[in-house]
Amino acid sequence: MDGFLILDKPEGITSAQCVYKLRSILGIKRIGHCGTLDPLATGLLPICVGEATKFSNYATNLDKVYEVGIKFGVETDTGDVTGEIISKKDPCGIDQGLNKQLKEFEGIHFQMPPIYSAIKKNGKPLYYWARKGVYVYRDPRRIEIKSINLLNRSEYSATIEVACSKGTYIRTLVEQLGRSLGTFATVSSLRRLEVGSMKLTTNSCLLEDTKNNIVNNILPCDALLTDIDKIALNPEDAKKVRNGLSIDYNAHLKNKGLVRIYTDKNLFIGLGLVGNNNMVQPKRLLATN
């Protein structure tokens, strides 16, 4: 049981609670999640099992796609409908400007993280300080909105689809959208549809599924690493890398840096680093028997 799971997270529980539940179902402790979904959010939560936990950090740096429900006319202290309303304004007359304003958000921006977030400051997440009423300075973060599209619209609500880079705070984006339209807005629902190459498909699992169904849907340990360049080694070099040795890789590589390492029979070994001298240094390898 080594690999990644595509879990369709339900509303109302934390990502950590999903991990605890899966540990109980599968009977193993070595399980984690790649990226966090808040209790309000549903959808794709990548789960790493066994040896795949070695690659969880690399799987969190991927682009994501969300389906976002928006409630216009209110703003809350948490950025979603679970918080206390702090501002109100009638959202009438925003229909004509909505599509145009959505497109204004596409591209690269610097976004201020919300105070109710898991970013750590002085060793504690920002939400810890927020609940104590302590103001903490936050640095803006560079993000990219790849695309943003209107799916449907009613008088006081809308649903949009957002494709974005890592580190994008959808709650902050929705608040900015509301203000740009001359009103307020907050997130009413949030569903993650994609993480990198992973999508919610027939391979997705539910916490209610049987152990056999979950095990049968475990993907390989390189399933979330497809954006990283790939190299294949001959048996001699593969053996050296598995023993922790760096090797001279003579093939031309467009980009230096992190690479996926495979044997000549396309078996995944792990991750390595390629330097300017074309030496491949083992970085994170699968265990071998």
Foldseek 3Di string as FASTA:
>chain_A
DFFKAFAFADAQDWQVVLLVLVCVQQVHNAKDWQDIDGNQATATIIMGDDQLVLCSPVLNFFKWKKKFKKFWFFAFLQLAPVGDTDGGDQLPPLVVVQQVLQVVQAFKDWFWDRLCDQDDDPRGGSVVCVVVVHDDDTGTHIKGWHHKAWDDDDRGMTIMMTIIGRPDDVSRVQQVSNVVSVHGMGTHHMYIADRHPDGPDPLYDYSPDHSVSRVVSGDHSCPSVVVFAEDEDEPVVLVCVLVQHKDADDDDDPDFFKYFYAYPVRHTFGIWGQDPRRITGRDRGGDDD
